[in-house]
Amino acid sequence: MRVKNQKQKSIKAEFLKSLKWKRWRYILVDYYNNKDCITNKPLRPRFNVHHLDMREEHYTILKEERFRPLNSDTHDCVHFLYRYYKKDPFIIDRLRTILDLMVKYNED
């Protein structure tokens, strides 16, 4: 399994260095109006283009609906939550409850 993961990582790494990928990133920036798709904040210089389909065999299919530009902190948050969400989608409900309570308790 480790050999496949190393090979997969090298395929992805090579693709991410390609001119095709670099051009694609900026097409997406324009397509999504230079905004982080979750926060709606402007993209910072070190933004990420998040692959919605992370499977190796689909990694290089460049279609707008398969990607979202995200600032790096948003991207990290999405990956963190995804690990739990794919096993337990109700994590979002619990997160919303906590966030709603935070808003409630911090209103003045």
C-alpha atoms as a PDB file:
ATOM      1  CA  MET A   1       0.000   0.000   0.000  1.00  0.00           C
ATOM      2  CA  ARG A   2       2.818   2.396   0.868  1.00  0.00           C
ATOM      3  CA  VAL A   3       4.397   2.019  -2.617  1.00  0.00           C
ATOM      4  CA  LYS A   4       1.093   2.903  -4.272  1.00  0.00           C
ATOM      5  CA  ASN A   5       0.695   5.949  -1.997  1.00  0.00           C
ATOM      6  CA  GLN A   6       4.239   7.099  -2.838  1.00  0.00           C
ATOM      7  CA  LYS A   7       3.581   6.620  -6.555  1.00  0.00           C
ATOM      8  CA  GLN A   8       0.249   8.429  -6.271  1.00  0.00           C
ATOM      9  CA  LYS A   9       1.916  11.314  -4.420  1.00  0.00           C
ATOM     10  CA  SER A  10       4.611  11.600  -7.088  1.00  0.00           C
ATOM     11  CA  ILE A  11       2.013  11.630  -9.889  1.00  0.00           C
ATOM     12  CA  LYS A  12       0.105  14.373  -8.076  1.00  0.00           C
ATOM     13  CA  ALA A  13       3.278  16.306  -7.277  1.00  0.00           C
ATOM     14  CA  GLU A  14       4.389  16.243 -10.915  1.00  0.00           C
ATOM     15  CA  PHE A  15       0.956  17.360 -12.096  1.00  0.00           C
ATOM     16  CA  LEU A  16       0.896  20.234  -9.595  1.00  0.00           C
ATOM     17  CA  LYS A  17       4.199  21.491 -11.025  1.00  0.00           C
ATOM     18  CA  SER A  18       2.889  21.489 -14.597  1.00  0.00           C
ATOM     19  CA  LEU A  19       2.125  24.605 -16.614  1.00  0.00           C
ATOM     20  CA  LYS A  20      -1.296  23.135 -17.374  1.00  0.00           C
ATOM     21  CA  TRP A  21      -2.156  23.089 -13.645  1.00  0.00           C
ATOM     22  CA  LYS A  22      -0.720  26.550 -12.999  1.00  0.00           C
ATOM     23  CA  ARG A  23      -2.823  28.016 -15.790  1.00  0.00           C
ATOM     24  CA  TRP A  24      -5.891  26.117 -14.572  1.00  0.00           C
ATOM     25  CA  ARG A  25      -5.591  27.646 -11.093  1.00  0.00           C
ATOM     26  CA  TYR A  26      -5.988  31.136 -12.515  1.00  0.00           C
ATOM     27  CA  ILE A  27      -8.873  30.140 -14.746  1.00  0.00           C
ATOM     28  CA  LEU A  28     -10.617  28.985 -11.555  1.00  0.00           C
ATOM     29  CA  VAL A  29      -9.764  32.211  -9.744  1.00  0.00           C
ATOM     30  CA  ASP A  30     -11.588  34.123 -12.463  1.00  0.00           C
ATOM     31  CA  TYR A  31     -14.431  31.623 -12.591  1.00  0.00           C
ATOM     32  CA  TYR A  32     -15.049  31.996  -8.839  1.00  0.00           C
ATOM     33  CA  ASN A  33     -14.488  35.775  -8.786  1.00  0.00           C
ATOM     34  CA  ASN A  34     -11.272  35.593  -6.769  1.00  0.00           C
ATOM     35  CA  LYS A  35     -13.207  34.430  -3.668  1.00  0.00           C
ATOM     36  CA  ASP A  36     -12.793  31.634  -1.172  1.00  0.00           C
ATOM     37  CA  CYS A  37     -15.861  29.485  -1.890  1.00  0.00           C
ATOM     38  CA  ILE A  38     -16.688  28.990   1.784  1.00  0.00           C
ATOM     39  CA  THR A  39     -15.882  32.307   3.437  1.00  0.00           C
ATOM     40  CA  ASN A  40     -16.499  34.553   0.414  1.00  0.00           C
ATOM     41  CA  LYS A  41     -13.333  36.429   1.369  1.00  0.00           C
ATOM     42  CA  PRO A  42     -10.823  37.407  -1.317  1.00  0.00           C
ATOM     43  CA  LEU A  43      -8.266  34.744  -2.097  1.00  0.00           C
ATOM     44  CA  ARG A  44      -4.901  35.376  -0.507  1.00  0.00           C
ATOM     45  CA  PRO A  45      -1.674  34.959  -2.498  1.00  0.00           C
ATOM     46  CA  ARG A  46      -1.066  31.421  -1.171  1.00  0.00           C
ATOM     47  CA  PHE A  47      -4.562  30.065  -1.824  1.00  0.00           C
ATOM     48  CA  ASN A  48      -5.300  26.407  -2.600  1.00  0.00           C
ATOM     49  CA  VAL A  49      -7.388  24.902  -5.344  1.00  0.00           C
ATOM     50  CA  HIS A  50      -9.252  22.112  -3.601  1.00  0.00           C
ATOM     51  CA  HIS A  51      -9.863  18.885  -5.545  1.00  0.00           C
ATOM     52  CA  LEU A  52     -13.370  17.699  -4.726  1.00  0.00           C
ATOM     53  CA  ASP A  53     -12.552  14.336  -6.321  1.00  0.00           C
ATOM     54  CA  MET A  54      -9.310  13.231  -4.680  1.00  0.00           C
ATOM     55  CA  ARG A  55      -9.080   9.818  -6.361  1.00  0.00           C
ATOM     56  CA  GLU A  56      -5.836   9.283  -8.225  1.00  0.00           C
ATOM     57  CA  GLU A  57      -7.480   8.328 -11.510  1.00  0.00           C
ATOM     58  CA  HIS A  58      -9.562  11.540 -11.544  1.00  0.00           C
ATOM     59  CA  TYR A  59      -6.981  13.967 -10.221  1.00  0.00           C
ATOM     60  CA  THR A  60      -6.167  15.523 -13.587  1.00  0.00           C
ATOM     61  CA  ILE A  61      -9.717  15.938 -14.926  1.00  0.00           C
ATOM     62  CA  LEU A  62      -9.922  19.715 -15.179  1.00  0.00           C
ATOM     63  CA  LYS A  63     -13.583  20.705 -14.939  1.00  0.00           C
ATOM     64  CA  GLU A  64     -14.758  23.677 -12.888  1.00  0.00           C
ATOM     65  CA  GLU A  65     -17.312  21.654 -10.934  1.00  0.00           C
ATOM     66  CA  ARG A  66     -14.536  19.405  -9.558  1.00  0.00           C
ATOM     67  CA  PHE A  67     -12.542  22.207  -7.880  1.00  0.00           C
ATOM     68  CA  ARG A  68     -13.004  25.074  -5.453  1.00  0.00           C
ATOM     69  CA  PRO A  69     -10.514  27.809  -4.621  1.00  0.00           C
ATOM     70  CA  LEU A  70      -9.971  28.113  -0.876  1.00  0.00           C
ATOM     71  CA  ASN A  71      -7.648  30.082   1.316  1.00  0.00           C
ATOM     72  CA  SER A  72      -5.169  27.823   3.065  1.00  0.00           C
ATOM     73  CA  ASP A  73      -6.842  27.925   6.476  1.00  0.00           C
ATOM     74  CA  THR A  74     -10.226  27.104   4.925  1.00  0.00           C
ATOM     75  CA  HIS A  75      -8.631  24.291   2.928  1.00  0.00           C
ATOM     76  CA  ASP A  76      -7.089  22.821   6.086  1.00  0.00           C
ATOM     77  CA  CYS A  77     -10.440  23.029   7.868  1.00  0.00           C
ATOM     78  CA  VAL A  78     -12.237  21.254   5.003  1.00  0.00           C
ATOM     79  CA  HIS A  79      -9.749  18.394   5.031  1.00  0.00           C
ATOM     80  CA  PHE A  80      -9.914  18.120   8.807  1.00  0.00           C
ATOM     81  CA  LEU A  81     -13.732  17.955   8.826  1.00  0.00           C
ATOM     82  CA  TYR A  82     -13.904  15.637   5.810  1.00  0.00           C
ATOM     83  CA  ARG A  83     -12.082  12.876   7.699  1.00  0.00           C
ATOM     84  CA  TYR A  84     -14.965  12.815  10.200  1.00  0.00           C
ATOM     85  CA  TYR A  85     -17.807  13.786   7.870  1.00  0.00           C
ATOM     86  CA  LYS A  86     -17.353  10.823   5.533  1.00  0.00           C
ATOM     87  CA  LYS A  87     -17.894   8.490   8.531  1.00  0.00           C
ATOM     88  CA  ASP A  88     -20.465  10.624  10.357  1.00  0.00           C
ATOM     89  CA  PRO A  89     -22.278  13.357   8.367  1.00  0.00           C
ATOM     90  CA  PHE A  90     -24.010  14.543  11.539  1.00  0.00           C
ATOM     91  CA  ILE A  91     -20.774  16.196  12.574  1.00  0.00           C
ATOM     92  CA  ILE A  92     -22.012  19.242  10.668  1.00  0.00           C
ATOM     93  CA  ASP A  93     -25.149  19.426  12.809  1.00  0.00           C
ATOM     94  CA  ARG A  94     -23.100  19.234  15.996  1.00  0.00           C
ATOM     95  CA  LEU A  95     -20.715  21.864  14.707  1.00  0.00           C
ATOM     96  CA  ARG A  96     -23.629  24.166  13.813  1.00  0.00           C
ATOM     97  CA  THR A  97     -25.039  23.732  17.332  1.00  0.00           C
ATOM     98  CA  ILE A  98     -21.753  24.769  18.900  1.00  0.00           C
ATOM     99  CA  LEU A  99     -21.323  27.717  16.546  1.00  0.00           C
ATOM    100  CA  ASP A 100     -24.903  28.874  17.160  1.00  0.00           C
ATOM    101  CA  LEU A 101     -24.279  28.729  20.913  1.00  0.00           C
ATOM    102  CA  MET A 102     -21.075  30.692  20.517  1.00  0.00           C
ATOM    103  CA  VAL A 103     -22.956  33.404  18.654  1.00  0.00           C
ATOM    104  CA  LYS A 104     -25.684  33.417  21.300  1.00  0.00           C
ATOM    105  CA  TYR A 105     -23.291  33.647  24.250  1.00  0.00           C
ATOM    106  CA  ASN A 106     -21.107  36.278  22.638  1.00  0.00           C
ATOM    107  CA  GLU A 107     -23.819  38.698  21.588  1.00  0.00           C
ATOM    108  CA  ASP A 108     -23.854  41.904  23.582  1.00  0.00           C
END
